[in-house]
Amino acid sequence: MDLFELTRSLVDIESITGNEERMGQALFAHLSELAARHGGHAELVPVEPRRSNLFACWGDPVVTLSTHIDTVPPFYPSREDSDHIWGRGACDTKGIIAAMLFAVRELLEEGRRNIGMLFVVGEERNSAGAIAAAKTPRGSKFLINGEPTENKLALGSKGALRLELVASGRMAHSAYPELGESAIEKLLDVLESVRHIRLPVDKILGASTLNIGTLSGGRAPNVIADNAQAELFIRLVDDGAATLAAVQQAANGKADVREVLTIPAVHLGSLPGFDTTIVAYTTDIPAFGGAWGQPFLIGPGSIHVAHTADERIPKKQLLEAVQIYKKMVRQLQ
């Protein structure tokens, strides 16, 4: 298969988070072939039942190329036109996997060694694969993590703080509101205070952002609400401690603040000869915790079409990515 055919074949394997098994088997076949042909080693590394990371190496890895094999729902099969390959995971991250496989194959054919490849499960939900991989490092000094950055080297990525706000009240007939206590009104007061929090700003990553993602509560229009909930997602530019404290202060006893997920922002390395960017999304890099070496973040495709019905990857960027990954490996070894 050529690069475009490989990309389409990977897109056509449904691998929504939690259902990565078939994708893992297909990639294990590719890695095993490369390992057999060039004197390497490939293995499936169990994470959970029916979910495994994949690792391959040729010599002791100095540089490891890595990305995730899961996608968000819903599944869309591949199609292509003259300029793009379309489908779920085309840029996030099936095309990236294909580019990494081609880059490593060409490097091995040139006689390069000391390369690793690590593909992990679960990035789209909780980074389960990266967390597991961090417990079993293989000595790699540098990690090239693939996410859609339009082939620009990311100097940093924002973190994430996901919170649930839960307010409680007392039911009453709506004709006699003084006999009840509205949880919805409490929650609205808290949310208004949260919206006025001065969120941190970083000179490289820019400003933190806040999204009130869901809002629910109450029993009926004629009943004073005894419950209300909201889910918040904050894109962090630091470790999130100050922001969490500010939300707790804004709640002021009117609602419980439940911390669901915290991923700190990261500042990343640069290399000469590469265009650079800053990304507002989170990645597996914090979950690796440096166990696989100094991280770099780069890949073909745009994050603006990832997770959408129009997900696609430019063929030109796919071809460029193969050469970019080869160049990075050469510079880092």
Foldseek 3Di string as FASTA:
>chain_A
DDLVVQLLVLLQDAAAAPRCLVSVVVVQVLQVVLCVVQVKDKDWADLDVSFTKIKIFFPQAQEEEEEESHFHDDWFHWDDDPWWIWTACSVVPSLQVSLVSLLVSVCSVVVDHNYMYIYFGDWVHALSRLLVQLVPARPHAEYEYEHAPQQFWEQWEWKKWKKKWKAFKAKDFLVCCVVIGALLVLVVQLVVQLVPDQFDADPAQGTKDKDFDDKDFADDPRMRTGIIMIMMMITHAAQCPVSVVSSVVSSVPRIDMGTDDTQHMDGADDDPPGHYDHYRDDGSVSSSVCSNHGYIYGYFDDPVCHPHNGGITTPVRSVVSSVVVNVVVVVSD
